Amino acid sequence: MIYTDITPGTLKALKPQYIRMYLNSRGWTQNQSTSKYDTFRNEDLDEDVLVPKDRGLRDYLYRVEDLVELISAAEKRTVADIVSGMMLASAADVIEYRYEPLSGEIGVIPVTDMQNILKTHTSITNFAYRDIKDWHPSYSSSRWSGSKITDLVRVGPTAAGSYIIRFVYPAVSGNSAQSSLEEGLVPDNDDLRRVCDKIIHSLETIVDHAEKNEDLISPDKHISYNFIAAVADLEVKGADLEVKRHPLHAADDDASGSVSLTGKIFPNISNIARNMRPAGMNEDRVFVGHLMAITDRRFENESLPGKLTLKYISPDDPRPQSAKLDLSDDDLDLAYDAMRNKRPVRLKGKLVGNSKSRRIEDPCDLKLLE
């Protein structure tokens, strides 16, 4: 193997159907077929490639290696790009963040910045989908019936150059991709493609208003305050971001979009968010206290959150207060550790309700204290 960044295991794992879908999306067409192989041709490149039909073939790995090398030479693209495209063949879209540090330290990213992008893009996806399905100027909580759509999104392989984070939006909900007679991808749910459209179009609108130093975005744009506030949270110190959409099965490249989020634009985006924040909307607060009264229902369903009570002291009242909250996954495990070791915790969230029934909505940034 003449390249070192792609392992034999990766090549052997490439499914024949994904290879065929990739080739169709790049202008190659099938012109011959046998019991073991399909032949694809690209008239513009004047090249033919042989695609094995069965990963169980003894020489499958070597056939795929030859295939990838030939396509790489014909399309003048790197082997890594070719393999990445085949791996993502069952996806409809990729939204890509290009992280460009002002220091010039190319190809790396601080852990805290990576965590922020991962967390914030989840919120952006959630609110973009909600703006499509049930738009309101603002939402009191990130929880709603459609928020599970974020569970479908995957983080894909990065690329060379400035550090690139890829969020993959599948075109199919199951493990098996469906294709047409021409081997084109047949999405079984168009919602994720619409979400990608909405994310890029909303970002373009926000940046356009911020560049013009405007304070508000018209309601007819159907961009919620929550989406704008999430975009403002993308700001990282000492780096610029470029957000780009790659529709993997578009008819042409014109469908892709790119939005530049430089450090200089974020103060104006934050200003728009402040001006569009509804009066009376609860802001995030910091709570410090002890967790107690936990109810863990993961034995019923892994996706169910644990229900807890936090005892804390409010700066407005010296008497101990309590509020209920839900935690899931790693945060729920961390809550167990805190209770077992009787350690205080610190977290952020929105306090809702009254003195008889308080609740912390959207808890985040849970940390154990000494």
Protein backbone atom coordinates (compact mmCIF):
# COMPACT_ATOMS: atom_id res chain seq x y z
CA MET A 1 0.00 0.00 0.00
CA ILE A 2 1.56 3.28 -1.09
CA TYR A 3 -0.18 5.50 1.46
CA THR A 4 -0.09 5.39 5.22
CA ASP A 5 -3.14 7.37 6.35
CA ILE A 6 -5.66 4.70 5.27
CA THR A 7 -5.45 1.27 6.91
CA PRO A 8 -6.22 -2.04 5.18
CA GLY A 9 -9.07 -2.50 7.66
CA THR A 10 -10.67 0.75 6.49
CA LEU A 11 -10.52 -0.30 2.84
CA LYS A 12 -11.90 -3.76 3.55
CA ALA A 13 -14.79 -2.21 5.51
CA LEU A 14 -15.96 -0.16 2.50
CA LYS A 15 -19.25 -1.64 1.29
CA PRO A 16 -19.67 -2.25 -2.46
CA GLN A 17 -22.99 -0.38 -2.44
CA TYR A 18 -21.34 2.68 -0.89
CA ILE A 19 -18.60 2.58 -3.52
CA ARG A 20 -21.22 2.43 -6.28
CA MET A 21 -23.22 5.31 -4.77
CA TYR A 22 -20.04 7.38 -4.48
CA LEU A 23 -19.17 6.75 -8.12
CA ASN A 24 -22.67 7.70 -9.29
CA SER A 25 -22.53 10.91 -7.28
CA ARG A 26 -19.23 11.82 -9.03
CA GLY A 27 -20.37 11.25 -12.61
CA TRP A 28 -19.34 7.62 -13.10
CA THR A 29 -21.93 5.32 -14.70
CA GLN A 30 -22.21 1.53 -14.69
CA ASN A 31 -21.84 0.02 -18.14
CA GLN A 32 -21.10 -3.66 -17.49
CA SER A 33 -21.83 -6.24 -14.79
CA THR A 34 -20.78 -9.82 -14.02
CA SER A 35 -21.48 -12.12 -11.10
CA LYS A 36 -18.46 -10.75 -9.22
CA TYR A 37 -17.76 -7.26 -10.57
CA ASP A 38 -19.37 -4.11 -11.94
CA THR A 39 -17.59 -1.83 -14.40
CA PHE A 40 -18.05 1.93 -14.09
CA ARG A 41 -16.94 4.50 -16.64
CA ASN A 42 -16.43 8.25 -16.52
CA GLU A 43 -16.60 9.64 -20.06
CA ASP A 44 -15.23 13.05 -19.05
CA LEU A 45 -12.14 11.43 -17.51
CA ASP A 46 -11.95 8.62 -20.10
CA GLU A 47 -11.45 6.07 -17.32
CA ASP A 48 -12.99 2.72 -16.30
CA VAL A 49 -12.94 1.15 -12.84
CA LEU A 50 -13.84 -2.31 -11.60
CA VAL A 51 -16.02 -2.56 -8.45
CA PRO A 52 -16.11 -5.93 -6.63
CA LYS A 53 -19.61 -6.97 -5.56
CA ASP A 54 -18.82 -9.02 -2.47
CA ARG A 55 -16.59 -8.20 0.50
CA GLY A 56 -16.14 -11.95 0.93
CA LEU A 57 -14.00 -12.17 -2.20
CA ARG A 58 -10.48 -13.29 -1.39
CA ASP A 59 -8.89 -10.34 -3.22
CA TYR A 60 -11.49 -7.75 -2.15
CA LEU A 61 -8.96 -5.59 -0.26
CA TYR A 62 -6.56 -5.44 -3.21
CA ARG A 63 -9.33 -4.72 -5.71
CA VAL A 64 -10.56 -1.82 -3.57
CA GLU A 65 -7.00 -0.54 -3.16
CA ASP A 66 -6.53 -0.54 -6.94
CA LEU A 67 -9.92 1.11 -7.39
CA VAL A 68 -9.19 3.92 -4.89
CA GLU A 69 -5.76 4.62 -6.38
CA LEU A 70 -7.18 4.80 -9.90
CA ILE A 71 -10.02 7.15 -8.88
CA SER A 72 -7.59 9.32 -6.93
CA ALA A 73 -5.36 9.72 -9.98
CA ALA A 74 -8.28 10.28 -12.38
CA GLU A 75 -10.13 12.83 -10.20
CA LYS A 76 -6.89 14.42 -8.92
CA ARG A 77 -8.09 14.11 -5.34
CA THR A 78 -6.29 12.59 -2.38
CA VAL A 79 -6.83 8.98 -1.39
CA ALA A 80 -8.12 10.21 1.98
CA ASP A 81 -10.78 12.33 0.26
CA ILE A 82 -11.87 9.41 -1.92
CA VAL A 83 -12.17 6.99 1.00
CA SER A 84 -13.92 9.60 3.16
CA GLY A 85 -16.47 10.17 0.38
CA MET A 86 -17.16 6.44 0.15
CA MET A 87 -17.50 6.09 3.93
CA LEU A 88 -20.09 8.88 3.94
CA ALA A 89 -21.98 7.59 0.91
CA SER A 90 -25.11 6.83 2.97
CA ALA A 91 -25.21 10.39 4.28
CA ALA A 92 -27.21 13.17 2.69
CA ASP A 93 -25.19 16.12 3.92
CA VAL A 94 -22.13 17.15 5.86
CA ILE A 95 -21.81 20.44 7.72
CA GLU A 96 -18.16 21.27 8.19
CA TYR A 97 -16.46 23.63 10.63
CA ARG A 98 -13.04 24.81 9.56
CA TYR A 99 -11.15 25.98 12.65
CA GLU A 100 -8.45 28.49 11.72
CA PRO A 101 -6.35 29.67 14.69
CA LEU A 102 -5.02 33.20 14.37
CA SER A 103 -1.70 31.96 15.78
CA GLY A 104 -1.12 29.93 12.62
CA GLU A 105 -0.96 26.65 14.57
CA ILE A 106 -2.64 24.66 11.81
CA GLY A 107 -4.13 21.20 12.30
CA VAL A 108 -4.78 21.24 16.05
CA ILE A 109 -7.59 22.54 18.25
CA PRO A 110 -7.82 23.16 22.02
CA VAL A 111 -9.98 20.60 23.81
CA THR A 112 -12.25 23.32 25.24
CA ASP A 113 -12.91 24.77 21.77
CA MET A 114 -13.70 21.31 20.40
CA GLN A 115 -16.12 20.66 23.28
CA ASN A 116 -17.81 24.00 22.66
CA ILE A 117 -18.29 23.36 18.93
CA LEU A 118 -19.67 19.85 19.53
CA LYS A 119 -22.11 21.04 22.17
CA THR A 120 -23.16 24.23 20.37
CA HIS A 121 -23.72 22.57 17.00
CA THR A 122 -26.07 20.11 18.70
CA SER A 123 -28.12 23.09 19.90
CA ILE A 124 -27.96 24.71 16.45
CA THR A 125 -29.32 21.51 14.86
CA ASN A 126 -32.07 21.24 17.46
CA PHE A 127 -33.27 24.84 17.10
CA ALA A 128 -32.96 24.82 13.29
CA TYR A 129 -35.29 21.81 13.19
CA ARG A 130 -37.70 23.46 15.62
CA ASP A 131 -37.67 26.65 13.55
CA ILE A 132 -38.77 24.50 10.59
CA LYS A 133 -41.43 22.49 12.38
CA ASP A 134 -42.93 24.86 14.94
CA TRP A 135 -41.39 28.31 14.71
CA HIS A 136 -41.83 30.77 17.57
CA PRO A 137 -39.75 33.86 18.32
CA SER A 138 -38.23 31.99 21.28
CA TYR A 139 -38.49 28.75 23.24
CA SER A 140 -38.36 28.44 27.01
CA SER A 141 -36.50 25.13 26.85
CA SER A 142 -34.45 23.07 24.40
CA ARG A 143 -36.66 20.06 25.17
CA TRP A 144 -39.46 19.32 22.70
CA SER A 145 -40.83 16.34 20.82
CA GLY A 146 -38.43 16.74 17.89
CA SER A 147 -35.19 17.21 19.84
CA LYS A 148 -34.26 13.54 19.35
CA ILE A 149 -33.27 14.38 15.78
CA THR A 150 -29.85 15.37 17.13
CA ASP A 151 -29.28 11.69 18.06
CA LEU A 152 -29.06 10.88 14.33
CA VAL A 153 -26.16 13.26 13.65
CA ARG A 154 -22.64 11.80 13.65
CA VAL A 155 -19.16 13.31 13.82
CA GLY A 156 -17.30 12.18 10.72
CA PRO A 157 -13.61 11.92 9.84
CA THR A 158 -11.68 15.18 9.68
CA ALA A 159 -9.51 16.36 6.80
CA ALA A 160 -6.03 17.77 6.29
CA GLY A 161 -5.30 21.48 6.64
CA SER A 162 -6.81 23.70 9.26
CA TYR A 163 -8.61 21.54 11.79
CA ILE A 164 -11.93 20.47 10.29
CA ILE A 165 -14.87 19.06 12.25
CA ARG A 166 -17.50 17.26 10.18
CA PHE A 167 -21.08 16.68 11.29
CA VAL A 168 -22.69 13.95 9.21
CA TYR A 169 -26.44 13.96 8.56
CA PRO A 170 -27.57 10.50 7.42
CA ALA A 171 -30.04 10.07 4.59
CA VAL A 172 -31.28 6.79 6.07
CA SER A 173 -32.30 5.92 9.60
CA GLY A 174 -31.35 2.24 9.46
CA ASN A 175 -28.09 0.44 8.82
CA SER A 176 -28.87 -0.40 5.19
CA ALA A 177 -28.97 2.30 2.53
CA GLN A 178 -31.62 2.06 -0.16
CA SER A 179 -30.79 3.00 -3.71
CA SER A 180 -32.63 3.49 -6.97
CA LEU A 181 -32.13 1.38 -10.07
CA GLU A 182 -29.38 3.80 -11.03
CA GLU A 183 -27.80 3.27 -7.58
CA GLY A 184 -28.60 6.79 -6.49
CA LEU A 185 -29.28 7.24 -2.78
CA VAL A 186 -32.95 7.18 -1.80
CA PRO A 187 -33.47 9.10 1.49
CA ASP A 188 -36.07 7.63 3.83
CA ASN A 189 -36.36 10.90 5.75
CA ASP A 190 -35.87 14.35 4.25
CA ASP A 191 -35.92 16.20 7.58
CA LEU A 192 -32.14 16.17 8.05
CA ARG A 193 -31.53 17.63 4.59
CA ARG A 194 -34.02 20.40 5.39
CA VAL A 195 -32.24 21.03 8.69
CA CYS A 196 -28.94 21.49 6.84
CA ASP A 197 -30.63 23.94 4.46
CA LYS A 198 -32.05 25.82 7.41
CA ILE A 199 -28.76 25.96 9.31
CA ILE A 200 -26.83 27.47 6.41
CA HIS A 201 -29.58 29.89 5.34
CA SER A 202 -30.09 31.08 8.93
CA LEU A 203 -26.34 31.52 9.41
CA GLU A 204 -26.14 33.53 6.19
CA THR A 205 -28.98 35.78 7.38
CA ILE A 206 -27.45 36.29 10.83
CA VAL A 207 -24.01 37.15 9.43
CA ASP A 208 -25.53 39.49 6.84
CA HIS A 209 -27.41 41.40 9.56
CA ALA A 210 -24.33 41.43 11.82
CA GLU A 211 -22.11 42.80 9.03
CA LYS A 212 -24.63 45.58 8.47
CA ASN A 213 -24.61 46.26 12.22
CA GLU A 214 -28.37 45.71 12.44
CA ASP A 215 -29.93 45.05 15.83
CA LEU A 216 -32.85 42.77 14.94
CA ILE A 217 -33.85 40.08 12.45
CA SER A 218 -37.36 40.22 11.04
CA PRO A 219 -39.79 37.52 12.26
CA ASP A 220 -40.53 36.59 8.65
CA LYS A 221 -37.06 34.96 8.52
CA HIS A 222 -38.29 32.38 11.06
CA ILE A 223 -35.04 32.41 13.03
CA SER A 224 -35.63 32.02 16.75
CA TYR A 225 -33.79 33.85 19.48
CA ASN A 226 -32.53 30.45 20.69
CA PHE A 227 -30.85 29.71 17.35
CA ILE A 228 -29.15 33.12 17.33
CA ALA A 229 -27.99 32.70 20.94
CA ALA A 230 -26.55 29.28 20.06
CA VAL A 231 -24.63 30.78 17.13
CA ALA A 232 -23.24 33.47 19.47
CA ASP A 233 -21.94 30.65 21.68
CA LEU A 234 -19.73 29.44 18.81
CA GLU A 235 -17.28 32.25 19.50
CA VAL A 236 -13.80 31.00 20.34
CA LYS A 237 -10.91 33.21 21.34
CA GLY A 238 -7.98 33.37 18.97
CA ALA A 239 -9.56 31.59 16.01
CA ASP A 240 -11.99 32.08 13.13
CA LEU A 241 -14.58 29.56 11.96
CA GLU A 242 -15.86 28.79 8.51
CA VAL A 243 -19.04 26.73 8.33
CA LYS A 244 -19.68 24.92 5.08
CA ARG A 245 -22.34 22.54 3.86
CA HIS A 246 -21.55 19.64 1.54
CA PRO A 247 -24.66 18.03 0.01
CA LEU A 248 -23.19 14.66 -0.86
CA HIS A 249 -25.76 13.73 -3.50
CA ALA A 250 -26.57 17.10 -5.02
CA ALA A 251 -26.95 17.46 -8.76
CA ASP A 252 -24.19 20.07 -8.83
CA ASP A 253 -21.80 21.88 -6.54
CA ASP A 254 -23.86 25.07 -6.54
CA ALA A 255 -26.01 23.67 -3.74
CA SER A 256 -23.17 23.92 -1.21
CA GLY A 257 -22.92 26.93 1.08
CA SER A 258 -20.18 28.52 3.17
CA VAL A 259 -20.44 31.07 5.98
CA SER A 260 -17.47 32.86 7.56
CA LEU A 261 -17.66 33.46 11.32
CA THR A 262 -14.68 35.64 12.17
CA GLY A 263 -13.87 36.84 15.65
CA LYS A 264 -14.84 40.38 14.69
CA ILE A 265 -18.41 39.43 13.78
CA PHE A 266 -19.37 37.76 17.07
CA PRO A 267 -19.90 40.97 19.11
CA ASN A 268 -22.52 42.04 16.56
CA ILE A 269 -24.16 38.59 16.63
CA SER A 270 -24.28 38.75 20.43
CA ASN A 271 -25.85 42.19 20.17
CA ILE A 272 -28.60 40.80 17.91
CA ALA A 273 -29.20 38.00 20.41
CA ARG A 274 -29.48 40.45 23.31
CA ASN A 275 -31.98 42.62 21.42
CA MET A 276 -34.09 39.62 20.42
CA ARG A 277 -34.12 38.00 23.85
CA PRO A 278 -37.74 38.06 25.11
CA ALA A 279 -38.41 40.10 28.23
CA GLY A 280 -38.68 37.86 31.24
CA MET A 281 -36.87 34.89 29.71
CA ASN A 282 -34.81 33.20 32.38
CA GLU A 283 -31.07 33.45 31.90
CA ASP A 284 -28.63 30.71 32.78
CA ARG A 285 -27.69 30.73 36.44
CA VAL A 286 -24.88 29.02 38.28
CA PHE A 287 -25.93 26.66 41.06
CA VAL A 288 -23.67 25.23 43.76
CA GLY A 289 -24.98 22.60 46.14
CA HIS A 290 -25.50 18.89 46.79
CA LEU A 291 -27.44 16.42 44.65
CA MET A 292 -29.85 14.03 46.31
CA ALA A 293 -32.97 11.90 45.80
CA ILE A 294 -31.89 10.35 42.52
CA THR A 295 -34.20 8.18 40.39
CA ASP A 296 -32.41 6.29 37.64
CA ARG A 297 -34.66 4.67 35.01
CA ARG A 298 -32.02 3.55 32.55
CA PHE A 299 -32.85 -0.08 33.30
CA GLU A 300 -36.22 0.63 31.61
CA ASN A 301 -34.77 2.57 28.69
CA GLU A 302 -31.20 3.80 28.24
CA SER A 303 -32.43 7.12 26.85
CA LEU A 304 -34.50 8.00 29.95
CA PRO A 305 -32.90 10.72 32.12
CA GLY A 306 -32.36 10.40 35.84
CA LYS A 307 -34.46 12.62 38.09
CA LEU A 308 -32.66 14.42 40.92
CA THR A 309 -33.03 17.18 43.47
CA LEU A 310 -30.38 19.82 44.06
CA LYS A 311 -30.05 21.50 47.46
CA TYR A 312 -28.40 24.89 47.04
CA ILE A 313 -28.09 28.37 48.52
CA SER A 314 -29.49 31.26 46.52
CA PRO A 315 -27.68 34.62 46.61
CA ASP A 316 -31.11 36.20 47.09
CA ASP A 317 -32.09 34.08 50.11
CA PRO A 318 -29.82 32.67 52.84
CA ARG A 319 -32.19 29.76 53.45
CA PRO A 320 -31.46 26.46 51.66
CA GLN A 321 -33.42 26.01 48.44
CA SER A 322 -34.18 22.91 46.41
CA ALA A 323 -34.97 22.36 42.74
CA LYS A 324 -35.61 19.30 40.61
CA LEU A 325 -33.66 18.54 37.44
CA ASP A 326 -32.99 15.77 34.92
CA LEU A 327 -29.55 14.45 34.02
CA SER A 328 -28.51 11.87 31.43
CA ASP A 329 -25.53 9.80 30.29
CA ASP A 330 -22.16 10.99 31.64
CA ASP A 331 -23.74 13.73 33.76
CA LEU A 332 -25.90 11.14 35.50
CA ASP A 333 -22.84 8.98 36.22
CA LEU A 334 -21.06 12.07 37.56
CA ALA A 335 -24.06 12.77 39.81
CA TYR A 336 -23.73 9.26 41.27
CA ASP A 337 -20.07 9.95 42.06
CA ALA A 338 -20.96 13.23 43.75
CA MET A 339 -23.62 11.64 45.93
CA ARG A 340 -21.53 8.60 46.79
CA ASN A 341 -18.59 10.77 47.88
CA LYS A 342 -20.79 13.53 49.38
CA ARG A 343 -19.16 16.14 47.18
CA PRO A 344 -20.78 19.43 46.18
CA VAL A 345 -21.41 20.17 42.52
CA ARG A 346 -21.58 23.19 40.28
CA LEU A 347 -23.85 23.45 37.23
CA LYS A 348 -25.62 25.92 34.98
CA GLY A 349 -29.29 26.07 34.05
CA LYS A 350 -32.51 28.08 33.99
CA LEU A 351 -34.57 28.23 37.18
CA VAL A 352 -38.31 28.01 36.56
CA GLY A 353 -41.35 27.62 38.80
CA ASN A 354 -42.16 29.03 42.23
CA SER A 355 -41.06 28.46 45.82
CA LYS A 356 -43.24 25.35 46.07
CA SER A 357 -42.02 23.72 42.89
CA ARG A 358 -38.70 24.86 41.43
CA ARG A 359 -37.04 23.22 38.48
CA ILE A 360 -33.71 23.69 36.68
CA GLU A 361 -34.22 23.48 32.92
CA ASP A 362 -31.42 22.69 30.47
CA PRO A 363 -28.77 21.83 33.10
CA CYS A 364 -25.24 21.81 31.73
CA ASP A 365 -21.55 22.09 32.66
CA LEU A 366 -21.91 19.80 35.67
CA LYS A 367 -18.67 19.69 37.70
CA LEU A 368 -17.64 18.12 41.00
CA LEU A 369 -16.14 20.48 43.57
CA GLU A 370 -13.65 19.74 46.32
